[in-house]
C-alpha atoms as a PDB file:
ATOM      1  CA  MET A   1      18.083 -11.406  15.515  1.00  0.00           C
ATOM      2  CA  GLU A   2      20.257 -11.480  12.469  1.00  0.00           C
ATOM      3  CA  ALA A   3      16.562 -12.030  10.976  1.00  0.00           C
ATOM      4  CA  ALA A   4      15.252  -9.032  12.013  1.00  0.00           C
ATOM      5  CA  ILE A   5      18.253  -7.303  11.373  1.00  0.00           C
ATOM      6  CA  GLN A   6      18.020  -8.443   7.913  1.00  0.00           C
ATOM      7  CA  ILE A   7      14.083  -7.329   7.602  1.00  0.00           C
ATOM      8  CA  ILE A   8      15.153  -3.963   8.813  1.00  0.00           C
ATOM      9  CA  ALA A   9      18.112  -3.634   6.560  1.00  0.00           C
ATOM     10  CA  GLY A  10      16.138  -4.651   3.649  1.00  0.00           C
ATOM     11  CA  LEU A  11      13.277  -2.290   3.942  1.00  0.00           C
ATOM     12  CA  ALA A  12      15.907   0.852   4.629  1.00  0.00           C
ATOM     13  CA  LEU A  13      17.292  -0.342   1.126  1.00  0.00           C
ATOM     14  CA  LEU A  14      13.925  -0.658  -0.200  1.00  0.00           C
ATOM     15  CA  ALA A  15      12.662   2.995   0.600  1.00  0.00           C
ATOM     16  CA  LEU A  16      16.106   4.453  -0.333  1.00  0.00           C
ATOM     17  CA  GLY A  17      16.478   2.204  -3.726  1.00  0.00           C
ATOM     18  CA  GLY A  18      12.377   3.005  -4.667  1.00  0.00           C
ATOM     19  CA  GLU A  19      12.931   6.949  -3.930  1.00  0.00           C
ATOM     20  CA  GLY A  20      16.085   6.832  -6.265  1.00  0.00           C
ATOM     21  CA  VAL A  21      14.493   5.333  -9.208  1.00  0.00           C
ATOM     22  CA  VAL A  22      11.561   7.666  -9.100  1.00  0.00           C
ATOM     23  CA  ARG A  23      13.820  10.870  -8.919  1.00  0.00           C
ATOM     24  CA  GLY A  24      16.232   9.530 -11.659  1.00  0.00           C
ATOM     25  CA  ALA A  25      13.483   7.988 -14.177  1.00  0.00           C
ATOM     26  CA  VAL A  26      11.384  11.705 -13.479  1.00  0.00           C
ATOM     27  CA  GLY A  27      14.394  13.404 -14.177  1.00  0.00           C
ATOM     28  CA  ILE A  28      15.406  11.791 -17.331  1.00  0.00           C
ATOM     29  CA  ALA A  29      11.659  11.647 -18.455  1.00  0.00           C
ATOM     30  CA  ARG A  30      11.369  16.009 -18.062  1.00  0.00           C
ATOM     31  CA  ARG A  31      14.540  16.264 -19.919  1.00  0.00           C
ATOM     32  CA  LEU A  32      12.693  13.941 -22.807  1.00  0.00           C
ATOM     33  CA  GLY A  33       9.914  16.765 -22.887  1.00  0.00           C
ATOM     34  CA  LEU A  34       7.352  14.236 -21.308  1.00  0.00           C
ATOM     35  CA  SER A  35       4.220  15.662 -19.722  1.00  0.00           C
ATOM     36  CA  GLU A  36       3.397  15.523 -16.557  1.00  0.00           C
ATOM     37  CA  LEU A  37       0.491  13.323 -16.839  1.00  0.00           C
ATOM     38  CA  LEU A  38       2.266  10.944 -18.370  1.00  0.00           C
ATOM     39  CA  ILE A  39       4.845  10.820 -15.632  1.00  0.00           C
ATOM     40  CA  GLY A  40       2.283  10.834 -12.937  1.00  0.00           C
ATOM     41  CA  LEU A  41       0.271   8.176 -14.887  1.00  0.00           C
ATOM     42  CA  THR A  42       3.473   5.540 -15.460  1.00  0.00           C
ATOM     43  CA  LEU A  43       7.019   6.591 -13.643  1.00  0.00           C
ATOM     44  CA  VAL A  44       5.541   7.897 -10.288  1.00  0.00           C
ATOM     45  CA  GLY A  45       2.655   5.117 -10.275  1.00  0.00           C
ATOM     46  CA  PHE A  46       5.328   2.421 -11.265  1.00  0.00           C
ATOM     47  CA  GLY A  47       7.927   3.579  -9.625  1.00  0.00           C
ATOM     48  CA  THR A  48       6.698   3.325  -6.060  1.00  0.00           C
ATOM     49  CA  SER A  49       5.666  -0.120  -6.248  1.00  0.00           C
ATOM     50  CA  THR A  50       9.487  -0.795  -7.085  1.00  0.00           C
ATOM     51  CA  PRO A  51      10.001  -2.518  -3.749  1.00  0.00           C
ATOM     52  CA  GLU A  52       6.791  -4.721  -3.876  1.00  0.00           C
ATOM     53  CA  LEU A  53       7.899  -5.582  -7.515  1.00  0.00           C
ATOM     54  CA  MET A  54      11.857  -6.561  -6.495  1.00  0.00           C
ATOM     55  CA  THR A  55      10.284  -8.506  -3.602  1.00  0.00           C
ATOM     56  CA  SER A  56       7.885 -10.369  -5.064  1.00  0.00           C
ATOM     57  CA  VAL A  57      10.524 -11.680  -8.084  1.00  0.00           C
ATOM     58  CA  ASP A  58      13.017 -12.165  -5.390  1.00  0.00           C
ATOM     59  CA  ALA A  59      10.564 -14.324  -3.443  1.00  0.00           C
ATOM     60  CA  ALA A  60       9.156 -16.404  -6.484  1.00  0.00           C
ATOM     61  CA  LEU A  61      12.736 -16.628  -7.556  1.00  0.00           C
ATOM     62  CA  ARG A  62      13.640 -18.046  -4.207  1.00  0.00           C
ATOM     63  CA  GLY A  63      10.661 -20.655  -4.149  1.00  0.00           C
ATOM     64  CA  SER A  64       8.574 -18.976  -1.776  1.00  0.00           C
ATOM     65  CA  PRO A  65       5.270 -18.180  -2.909  1.00  0.00           C
ATOM     66  CA  GLY A  66       3.758 -17.474   0.347  1.00  0.00           C
ATOM     67  CA  ILE A  67       5.912 -14.148   0.696  1.00  0.00           C
ATOM     68  CA  ALA A  68       5.663 -13.198  -3.202  1.00  0.00           C
ATOM     69  CA  ILE A  69       1.565 -13.285  -3.464  1.00  0.00           C
ATOM     70  CA  GLY A  70       1.262 -12.682   0.469  1.00  0.00           C
ATOM     71  CA  ASN A  71       3.188  -9.064  -0.270  1.00  0.00           C
ATOM     72  CA  VAL A  72       0.896  -7.696  -2.855  1.00  0.00           C
ATOM     73  CA  LEU A  73      -2.239  -9.010  -1.086  1.00  0.00           C
ATOM     74  CA  GLY A  74      -0.917  -7.549   2.400  1.00  0.00           C
ATOM     75  CA  SER A  75       0.283  -4.357   0.612  1.00  0.00           C
ATOM     76  CA  ASN A  76      -3.167  -3.818  -1.001  1.00  0.00           C
ATOM     77  CA  ILE A  77      -5.026  -4.289   2.310  1.00  0.00           C
ATOM     78  CA  GLY A  78      -2.450  -2.229   4.197  1.00  0.00           C
ATOM     79  CA  ASN A  79      -2.739   0.741   2.031  1.00  0.00           C
ATOM     80  CA  ILE A  80      -6.408   1.302   2.831  1.00  0.00           C
ATOM     81  CA  LEU A  81      -6.743  -0.344   6.137  1.00  0.00           C
ATOM     82  CA  LEU A  82      -3.808   0.797   7.481  1.00  0.00           C
ATOM     83  CA  ILE A  83      -1.655   3.553   5.869  1.00  0.00           C
ATOM     84  CA  LEU A  84      -4.891   5.280   4.798  1.00  0.00           C
ATOM     85  CA  ALA A  85      -6.705   4.847   8.269  1.00  0.00           C
ATOM     86  CA  ILE A  86      -3.256   6.409  10.000  1.00  0.00           C
ATOM     87  CA  VAL A  87      -3.337   9.576   7.240  1.00  0.00           C
ATOM     88  CA  VAL A  88      -7.289  10.377   7.909  1.00  0.00           C
ATOM     89  CA  LEU A  89      -6.927   9.990  11.466  1.00  0.00           C
ATOM     90  CA  ILE A  90      -4.400  12.528  11.138  1.00  0.00           C
ATOM     91  CA  ARG A  91      -6.111  14.959   8.945  1.00  0.00           C
ATOM     92  CA  PRO A  92      -9.218  13.880   7.138  1.00  0.00           C
ATOM     93  CA  LEU A  93      -9.531  13.912   3.346  1.00  0.00           C
ATOM     94  CA  THR A  94     -11.912  15.799   1.189  1.00  0.00           C
ATOM     95  CA  VAL A  95     -12.280  13.744  -2.087  1.00  0.00           C
ATOM     96  CA  ASN A  96     -13.448  14.259  -5.642  1.00  0.00           C
ATOM     97  CA  PRO A  97     -15.468  11.275  -6.897  1.00  0.00           C
ATOM     98  CA  ALA A  98     -14.861  12.120 -10.154  1.00  0.00           C
ATOM     99  CA  ALA A  99     -11.006  12.215  -9.619  1.00  0.00           C
ATOM    100  CA  ILE A 100     -11.132   8.497  -7.905  1.00  0.00           C
ATOM    101  CA  SER A 101     -14.622   6.564  -8.935  1.00  0.00           C
ATOM    102  CA  ARG A 102     -13.214   5.492 -12.125  1.00  0.00           C
ATOM    103  CA  ASP A 103      -9.892   4.394 -10.807  1.00  0.00           C
ATOM    104  CA  GLY A 104     -11.142   3.327  -7.570  1.00  0.00           C
ATOM    105  CA  ALA A 105     -13.978   0.716  -9.650  1.00  0.00           C
ATOM    106  CA  LEU A 106     -10.927  -0.590 -11.626  1.00  0.00           C
ATOM    107  CA  VAL A 107      -9.344  -1.542  -8.595  1.00  0.00           C
ATOM    108  CA  ILE A 108     -12.111  -3.500  -7.205  1.00  0.00           C
ATOM    109  CA  ALA A 109     -12.745  -5.058 -10.749  1.00  0.00           C
ATOM    110  CA  ALA A 110      -9.057  -6.384 -10.431  1.00  0.00           C
ATOM    111  CA  SER A 111      -9.235  -7.721  -6.877  1.00  0.00           C
ATOM    112  CA  ILE A 112     -12.107  -9.846  -7.790  1.00  0.00           C
ATOM    113  CA  ALA A 113     -10.685 -10.722 -11.138  1.00  0.00           C
ATOM    114  CA  LEU A 114      -7.545 -11.609  -9.130  1.00  0.00           C
ATOM    115  CA  THR A 115      -9.556 -13.549  -6.866  1.00  0.00           C
ATOM    116  CA  ALA A 116     -11.327 -15.574  -9.432  1.00  0.00           C
ATOM    117  CA  ILE A 117      -8.296 -16.436 -10.920  1.00  0.00           C
ATOM    118  CA  ALA A 118      -6.558 -17.589  -7.945  1.00  0.00           C
ATOM    119  CA  LEU A 119      -9.362 -19.593  -6.908  1.00  0.00           C
ATOM    120  CA  PHE A 120     -10.237 -21.116 -10.049  1.00  0.00           C
ATOM    121  CA  PHE A 121      -6.524 -21.965 -11.675  1.00  0.00           C
ATOM    122  CA  GLY A 122      -4.550 -21.967  -8.165  1.00  0.00           C
ATOM    123  CA  GLU A 123      -1.898 -20.239  -9.828  1.00  0.00           C
ATOM    124  CA  LEU A 124      -0.478 -17.301 -11.794  1.00  0.00           C
ATOM    125  CA  SER A 125       1.098 -18.873 -15.142  1.00  0.00           C
ATOM    126  CA  ARG A 126       3.101 -16.615 -17.711  1.00  0.00           C
ATOM    127  CA  TRP A 127       0.143 -16.499 -19.693  1.00  0.00           C
ATOM    128  CA  ILE A 128      -1.769 -15.006 -16.929  1.00  0.00           C
ATOM    129  CA  GLY A 129       1.171 -12.724 -16.008  1.00  0.00           C
ATOM    130  CA  ALA A 130       1.213 -11.594 -19.466  1.00  0.00           C
ATOM    131  CA  LEU A 131      -2.515 -10.996 -19.246  1.00  0.00           C
ATOM    132  CA  LEU A 132      -2.505  -8.912 -16.286  1.00  0.00           C
ATOM    133  CA  VAL A 133       0.304  -6.447 -17.629  1.00  0.00           C
ATOM    134  CA  THR A 134      -1.364  -6.197 -21.012  1.00  0.00           C
ATOM    135  CA  SER A 135      -4.498  -5.146 -18.756  1.00  0.00           C
ATOM    136  CA  LEU A 136      -2.319  -2.653 -17.330  1.00  0.00           C
ATOM    137  CA  LEU A 137      -0.997  -1.093 -20.421  1.00  0.00           C
ATOM    138  CA  VAL A 138      -4.718  -0.832 -21.956  1.00  0.00           C
ATOM    139  CA  TYR A 139      -5.591   0.962 -18.764  1.00  0.00           C
ATOM    140  CA  LEU A 140      -2.496   3.577 -18.795  1.00  0.00           C
ATOM    141  CA  LEU A 141      -3.190   4.043 -22.482  1.00  0.00           C
ATOM    142  CA  THR A 142      -7.071   4.746 -22.103  1.00  0.00           C
ATOM    143  CA  VAL A 143      -6.391   6.799 -19.312  1.00  0.00           C
ATOM    144  CA  TRP A 144      -3.491   8.771 -20.793  1.00  0.00           C
ATOM    145  CA  ARG A 145      -6.014   9.694 -24.029  1.00  0.00           C
ATOM    146  CA  MET A 146      -8.716  10.355 -21.854  1.00  0.00           C
ATOM    147  CA  GLU A 147      -6.971  12.634 -19.710  1.00  0.00           C
ATOM    148  CA  ARG A 148      -5.291  14.916 -22.251  1.00  0.00           C
ATOM    149  CA  LYS A 149      -8.467  16.833 -22.362  1.00  0.00           C
ATOM    150  CA  GLY A 150      -8.165  17.789 -18.973  1.00  0.00           C
ATOM    151  CA  GLY A 151     -10.718  17.107 -16.010  1.00  0.00           C
ATOM    152  CA  ALA A 152     -10.260  16.992 -12.537  1.00  0.00           C
ATOM    153  CA  ALA A 153      -8.487  13.074 -13.060  1.00  0.00           C
ATOM    154  CA  ALA A 154      -5.931  14.604 -14.921  1.00  0.00           C
ATOM    155  CA  ILE A 155      -5.144  17.282 -12.577  1.00  0.00           C
ATOM    156  CA  MET A 156      -4.495  14.893 -10.229  1.00  0.00           C
ATOM    157  CA  HIS A 157      -2.269  12.412 -12.289  1.00  0.00           C
ATOM    158  CA  GLU A 158      -0.460  15.717 -13.086  1.00  0.00           C
ATOM    159  CA  ALA A 159       0.264  16.816  -9.475  1.00  0.00           C
ATOM    160  CA  GLU A 160       1.253  13.084  -9.016  1.00  0.00           C
ATOM    161  CA  GLY A 161       4.116  14.181 -11.079  1.00  0.00           C
ATOM    162  CA  HIS A 162       5.400  16.453  -8.674  1.00  0.00           C
ATOM    163  CA  THR A 163       5.119  14.232  -5.658  1.00  0.00           C
ATOM    164  CA  HIS A 164       8.952  13.231  -5.561  1.00  0.00           C
ATOM    165  CA  ASP A 165      10.643  16.760  -6.399  1.00  0.00           C
ATOM    166  CA  PRO A 166      13.184  17.936  -6.842  1.00  0.00           C
ATOM    167  CA  VAL A 167      14.689  15.604  -9.384  1.00  0.00           C
ATOM    168  CA  PRO A 168      18.092  15.668 -10.549  1.00  0.00           C
ATOM    169  CA  GLN A 169      18.810  18.276 -13.530  1.00  0.00           C
ATOM    170  CA  LYS A 170      21.403  16.563 -15.603  1.00  0.00           C
ATOM    171  CA  VAL A 171      20.853  13.305 -17.316  1.00  0.00           C
ATOM    172  CA  TRP A 172      23.797  11.759 -16.178  1.00  0.00           C
ATOM    173  CA  GLN A 173      22.895  12.337 -12.972  1.00  0.00           C
ATOM    174  CA  SER A 174      19.509  11.084 -13.286  1.00  0.00           C
ATOM    175  CA  ALA A 175      20.955   7.940 -14.593  1.00  0.00           C
ATOM    176  CA  LEU A 176      22.942   7.479 -11.870  1.00  0.00           C
ATOM    177  CA  PHE A 177      19.941   7.928  -9.700  1.00  0.00           C
ATOM    178  CA  VAL A 178      17.994   5.107 -11.195  1.00  0.00           C
ATOM    179  CA  LEU A 179      21.073   2.679 -11.529  1.00  0.00           C
ATOM    180  CA  GLY A 180      21.799   3.210  -8.255  1.00  0.00           C
ATOM    181  CA  GLY A 181      18.373   3.003  -6.859  1.00  0.00           C
ATOM    182  CA  LEU A 182      18.181  -0.412  -8.912  1.00  0.00           C
ATOM    183  CA  GLY A 183      21.187  -1.890  -6.978  1.00  0.00           C
ATOM    184  CA  LEU A 184      19.664  -0.789  -3.997  1.00  0.00           C
ATOM    185  CA  LEU A 185      16.440  -2.276  -4.380  1.00  0.00           C
ATOM    186  CA  ILE A 186      17.638  -5.781  -5.844  1.00  0.00           C
ATOM    187  CA  TRP A 187      20.050  -5.698  -2.370  1.00  0.00           C
ATOM    188  CA  GLY A 188      17.286  -4.821  -0.005  1.00  0.00           C
ATOM    189  CA  ALA A 189      15.139  -7.095  -1.563  1.00  0.00           C
ATOM    190  CA  ASP A 190      17.044 -10.383  -1.034  1.00  0.00           C
ATOM    191  CA  LEU A 191      17.940  -9.002   2.566  1.00  0.00           C
ATOM    192  CA  LEU A 192      14.469  -8.666   3.183  1.00  0.00           C
ATOM    193  CA  VAL A 193      13.073 -11.872   1.364  1.00  0.00           C
ATOM    194  CA  GLY A 194      16.132 -14.047   3.248  1.00  0.00           C
ATOM    195  CA  GLY A 195      15.179 -12.307   6.516  1.00  0.00           C
ATOM    196  CA  ALA A 196      11.622 -12.994   6.702  1.00  0.00           C
ATOM    197  CA  ILE A 197      12.296 -16.832   5.148  1.00  0.00           C
ATOM    198  CA  VAL A 198      14.447 -17.102   7.962  1.00  0.00           C
ATOM    199  CA  MET A 199      11.772 -15.432  10.194  1.00  0.00           C
ATOM    200  CA  ALA A 200       9.002 -17.646   9.300  1.00  0.00           C
ATOM    201  CA  ARG A 201      11.074 -20.735  10.083  1.00  0.00           C
ATOM    202  CA  LEU A 202      12.306 -19.759  13.634  1.00  0.00           C
ATOM    203  CA  ALA A 203       8.832 -18.593  14.754  1.00  0.00           C
ATOM    204  CA  GLY A 204       7.483 -21.620  13.373  1.00  0.00           C
ATOM    205  CA  ILE A 205       4.637 -19.559  11.250  1.00  0.00           C
ATOM    206  CA  SER A 206       3.790 -19.553   7.419  1.00  0.00           C
ATOM    207  CA  GLU A 207       5.661 -17.596   4.834  1.00  0.00           C
ATOM    208  CA  THR A 208       2.207 -16.153   3.980  1.00  0.00           C
ATOM    209  CA  VAL A 209       1.453 -14.489   7.081  1.00  0.00           C
ATOM    210  CA  ILE A 210       4.790 -13.274   7.376  1.00  0.00           C
ATOM    211  CA  GLY A 211       4.146 -11.946   3.486  1.00  0.00           C
ATOM    212  CA  LEU A 212       0.802 -10.577   4.422  1.00  0.00           C
ATOM    213  CA  THR A 213       2.233  -8.766   7.387  1.00  0.00           C
ATOM    214  CA  ILE A 214       5.578  -7.697   7.920  1.00  0.00           C
ATOM    215  CA  VAL A 215       6.877  -7.673   4.363  1.00  0.00           C
ATOM    216  CA  ALA A 216       3.721  -6.206   2.943  1.00  0.00           C
ATOM    217  CA  ILE A 217       3.980  -3.378   5.648  1.00  0.00           C
ATOM    218  CA  GLY A 218       7.515  -2.800   4.834  1.00  0.00           C
ATOM    219  CA  THR A 219       7.173  -2.525   1.371  1.00  0.00           C
ATOM    220  CA  SER A 220       4.100  -0.108   1.985  1.00  0.00           C
ATOM    221  CA  LEU A 221       6.123   2.544   3.904  1.00  0.00           C
ATOM    222  CA  PRO A 222       7.130   4.828   0.774  1.00  0.00           C
ATOM    223  CA  GLU A 223       3.377   4.812   0.222  1.00  0.00           C
ATOM    224  CA  LEU A 224       2.534   6.068   3.670  1.00  0.00           C
ATOM    225  CA  VAL A 225       5.174   8.672   3.417  1.00  0.00           C
ATOM    226  CA  ALA A 226       4.080   9.682   0.137  1.00  0.00           C
ATOM    227  CA  THR A 227      -0.052  10.005   0.822  1.00  0.00           C
ATOM    228  CA  LEU A 228       0.593  11.396   4.391  1.00  0.00           C
ATOM    229  CA  ALA A 229       3.166  14.384   2.942  1.00  0.00           C
ATOM    230  CA  ALA A 230       0.663  14.890   0.230  1.00  0.00           C
ATOM    231  CA  ALA A 231      -2.431  14.816   2.631  1.00  0.00           C
ATOM    232  CA  LEU A 232      -0.739  17.717   4.797  1.00  0.00           C
ATOM    233  CA  LYS A 233       0.025  19.973   1.675  1.00  0.00           C
ATOM    234  CA  GLY A 234      -3.855  20.079   0.860  1.00  0.00           C
ATOM    235  CA  ARG A 235      -3.701  17.278  -1.643  1.00  0.00           C
ATOM    236  CA  ALA A 236      -6.249  15.029  -0.906  1.00  0.00           C
ATOM    237  CA  ASP A 237      -6.828  13.892  -4.326  1.00  0.00           C
ATOM    238  CA  VAL A 238      -3.380  12.897  -4.735  1.00  0.00           C
ATOM    239  CA  ALA A 239      -3.263  11.218  -1.349  1.00  0.00           C
ATOM    240  CA  PHE A 240      -6.096   9.069  -2.390  1.00  0.00           C
ATOM    241  CA  GLY A 241      -5.000   8.499  -5.631  1.00  0.00           C
ATOM    242  CA  ASN A 242      -1.814   7.599  -4.393  1.00  0.00           C
ATOM    243  CA  ILE A 243      -3.261   4.890  -2.543  1.00  0.00           C
ATOM    244  CA  VAL A 244      -5.535   3.701  -5.591  1.00  0.00           C
ATOM    245  CA  GLY A 245      -3.293   4.167  -8.315  1.00  0.00           C
ATOM    246  CA  SER A 246      -0.466   1.607  -6.240  1.00  0.00           C
ATOM    247  CA  ASN A 247      -3.275  -1.102  -5.467  1.00  0.00           C
ATOM    248  CA  LEU A 248      -4.322  -0.972  -8.943  1.00  0.00           C
ATOM    249  CA  TYR A 249      -0.296  -1.300 -10.011  1.00  0.00           C
ATOM    250  CA  ASN A 250       0.641  -4.140  -7.411  1.00  0.00           C
ATOM    251  CA  ILE A 251      -2.019  -6.533  -9.126  1.00  0.00           C
ATOM    252  CA  LEU A 252      -1.651  -5.944 -12.628  1.00  0.00           C
ATOM    253  CA  GLY A 253       1.720  -4.849 -12.967  1.00  0.00           C
ATOM    254  CA  ILE A 254       3.593  -6.439  -9.853  1.00  0.00           C
ATOM    255  CA  LEU A 255       2.064  -9.509 -10.072  1.00  0.00           C
ATOM    256  CA  GLY A 256       1.786  -9.384 -13.643  1.00  0.00           C
ATOM    257  CA  VAL A 257       5.484  -9.184 -14.080  1.00  0.00           C
ATOM    258  CA  THR A 258       6.275 -11.495 -11.380  1.00  0.00           C
ATOM    259  CA  ALA A 259       4.201 -14.126 -13.300  1.00  0.00           C
ATOM    260  CA  LEU A 260       6.209 -13.684 -16.367  1.00  0.00           C
ATOM    261  CA  ILE A 261       9.379 -14.227 -14.906  1.00  0.00           C
ATOM    262  CA  GLN A 262       8.243 -16.787 -12.735  1.00  0.00           C
ATOM    263  CA  PRO A 263       4.800 -18.660 -12.558  1.00  0.00           C
ATOM    264  CA  ILE A 264       3.387 -18.553  -8.746  1.00  0.00           C
ATOM    265  CA  ALA A 265       1.451 -21.140  -7.140  1.00  0.00           C
ATOM    266  CA  ILE A 266      -1.266 -19.667  -4.819  1.00  0.00           C
ATOM    267  CA  PRO A 267      -0.584 -20.719  -1.178  1.00  0.00           C
ATOM    268  CA  GLY A 268      -3.184 -23.161   0.027  1.00  0.00           C
ATOM    269  CA  ASP A 269      -2.990 -21.011   3.177  1.00  0.00           C
ATOM    270  CA  ILE A 270      -4.253 -17.927   1.697  1.00  0.00           C
ATOM    271  CA  GLY A 271      -8.270 -18.667   1.840  1.00  0.00           C
ATOM    272  CA  TRP A 272     -11.613 -16.932   1.296  1.00  0.00           C
ATOM    273  CA  VAL A 273     -11.151 -14.689   4.417  1.00  0.00           C
ATOM    274  CA  ASP A 274      -7.925 -12.948   3.135  1.00  0.00           C
ATOM    275  CA  TRP A 275      -9.253 -12.945  -0.340  1.00  0.00           C
ATOM    276  CA  SER A 276     -13.045 -11.365   0.823  1.00  0.00           C
ATOM    277  CA  VAL A 277     -10.870  -8.671   2.991  1.00  0.00           C
ATOM    278  CA  LEU A 278      -8.686  -7.941  -0.001  1.00  0.00           C
ATOM    279  CA  ILE A 279     -12.355  -7.029  -2.391  1.00  0.00           C
ATOM    280  CA  GLY A 280     -13.852  -5.726   1.026  1.00  0.00           C
ATOM    281  CA  SER A 281     -11.375  -2.928   1.920  1.00  0.00           C
ATOM    282  CA  ALA A 282     -11.555  -2.046  -2.154  1.00  0.00           C
ATOM    283  CA  CYS A 283     -15.413  -1.758  -1.671  1.00  0.00           C
ATOM    284  CA  LEU A 284     -15.732   0.225   1.600  1.00  0.00           C
ATOM    285  CA  LEU A 285     -13.161   2.822   0.646  1.00  0.00           C
ATOM    286  CA  MET A 286     -15.142   3.445  -2.291  1.00  0.00           C
ATOM    287  CA  ALA A 287     -18.237   3.572  -0.173  1.00  0.00           C
ATOM    288  CA  PHE A 288     -16.604   6.109   1.880  1.00  0.00           C
ATOM    289  CA  ALA A 289     -15.144   8.404  -0.263  1.00  0.00           C
ATOM    290  CA  VAL A 290     -18.225   8.119  -3.029  1.00  0.00           C
ATOM    291  CA  THR A 291     -21.316   8.824  -0.909  1.00  0.00           C
ATOM    292  CA  GLY A 292     -19.489  11.199   1.688  1.00  0.00           C
ATOM    293  CA  LYS A 293     -16.983  12.907  -0.631  1.00  0.00           C
ATOM    294  CA  ARG A 294     -14.992  13.232   2.363  1.00  0.00           C
ATOM    295  CA  LEU A 295     -12.950  10.684   4.551  1.00  0.00           C
ATOM    296  CA  THR A 296     -13.478  11.607   8.185  1.00  0.00           C
ATOM    297  CA  ARG A 297     -11.879  10.006  11.388  1.00  0.00           C
ATOM    298  CA  SER A 298     -14.856   7.910  12.561  1.00  0.00           C
ATOM    299  CA  GLU A 299     -14.078   6.049   8.828  1.00  0.00           C
ATOM    300  CA  GLY A 300     -10.285   6.028   9.252  1.00  0.00           C
ATOM    301  CA  ALA A 301     -11.097   4.459  12.673  1.00  0.00           C
ATOM    302  CA  VAL A 302     -13.381   1.844  11.392  1.00  0.00           C
ATOM    303  CA  LEU A 303     -10.639   1.198   8.543  1.00  0.00           C
ATOM    304  CA  LEU A 304      -8.052   0.921  11.272  1.00  0.00           C
ATOM    305  CA  LEU A 305     -10.285  -1.432  13.071  1.00  0.00           C
ATOM    306  CA  GLY A 306     -10.567  -3.511  10.472  1.00  0.00           C
ATOM    307  CA  TYR A 307      -7.078  -3.923  10.133  1.00  0.00           C
ATOM    308  CA  CYS A 308      -6.052  -4.870  13.872  1.00  0.00           C
ATOM    309  CA  ALA A 309      -9.123  -7.367  13.364  1.00  0.00           C
ATOM    310  CA  TYR A 310      -7.596  -8.949  10.274  1.00  0.00           C
ATOM    311  CA  VAL A 311      -4.179  -9.083  11.688  1.00  0.00           C
ATOM    312  CA  ALA A 312      -5.912 -10.773  15.266  1.00  0.00           C
ATOM    313  CA  PHE A 313      -7.087 -13.209  12.371  1.00  0.00           C
ATOM    314  CA  LEU A 314      -3.754 -13.994  10.818  1.00  0.00           C
ATOM    315  CA  ILE A 315      -2.147 -14.638  14.279  1.00  0.00           C
ATOM    316  CA  ALA A 316      -4.973 -16.931  15.875  1.00  0.00           C
ATOM    317  CA  ARG A 317      -4.699 -19.153  12.231  1.00  0.00           C
END
């Protein structure tokens, strides 16, 4: 019971802290005159992934690689097969392939690269972490230079800069939001990881399964709120871009930064099924989005059934 309370409290603190960091950072960026395109590409994208970052770093430092790696893999799988599925079941999304095809292809490529690294090296060392972070920085710089000329993708990323409005109007208020949010994130991650470790021991299941399911779903709740809000406002491109962008940040940014701080061994109970679902879910999403230019309720049901099947597999395993 105490472990469950820790997990719930940790998730609540992570959600509040992540929102505070994003609003504060965006407020400071606007006062400094940064463009909405750059804000949407960097601050909002990375800010919504801060719960995953703090959780994975905390788990890695505690010597719990199953939670650190499982959190990211489970979040990416859950973002597509669970969160986007729920959103599409509530409101089907019309997507612009030109706005999401590039980022979607990069998510698939990053998923394949991560799988290859894990299977070949068996760990995420500091040099691999540096490679992942460098890849993210190169991507952001390239995209920013491309999208300054405008286009569908640029409009999408500019709109993402407004998804967390309103923001503090004064710099000192924004700074308080950032500092307070960081404090809540650190506290929340500590409670969540501690509770997850205790729950895994009491339930007699691996930390990896807890990381792939409870921790991953919990840290992805900000994506559910942001994606659903964008969809209900008729901003399908922002809703879709939020999921794709979050998955890209999770692999290149979250795992990259975590490995730089503390190298992570790939848990032995993350197998070919988990890696296949990671890659397959991204490929399936892109196939639905590009071929039909629309995500329908029937496709959302397929995604959700896929997630249920995967969780059933984890429980049986």
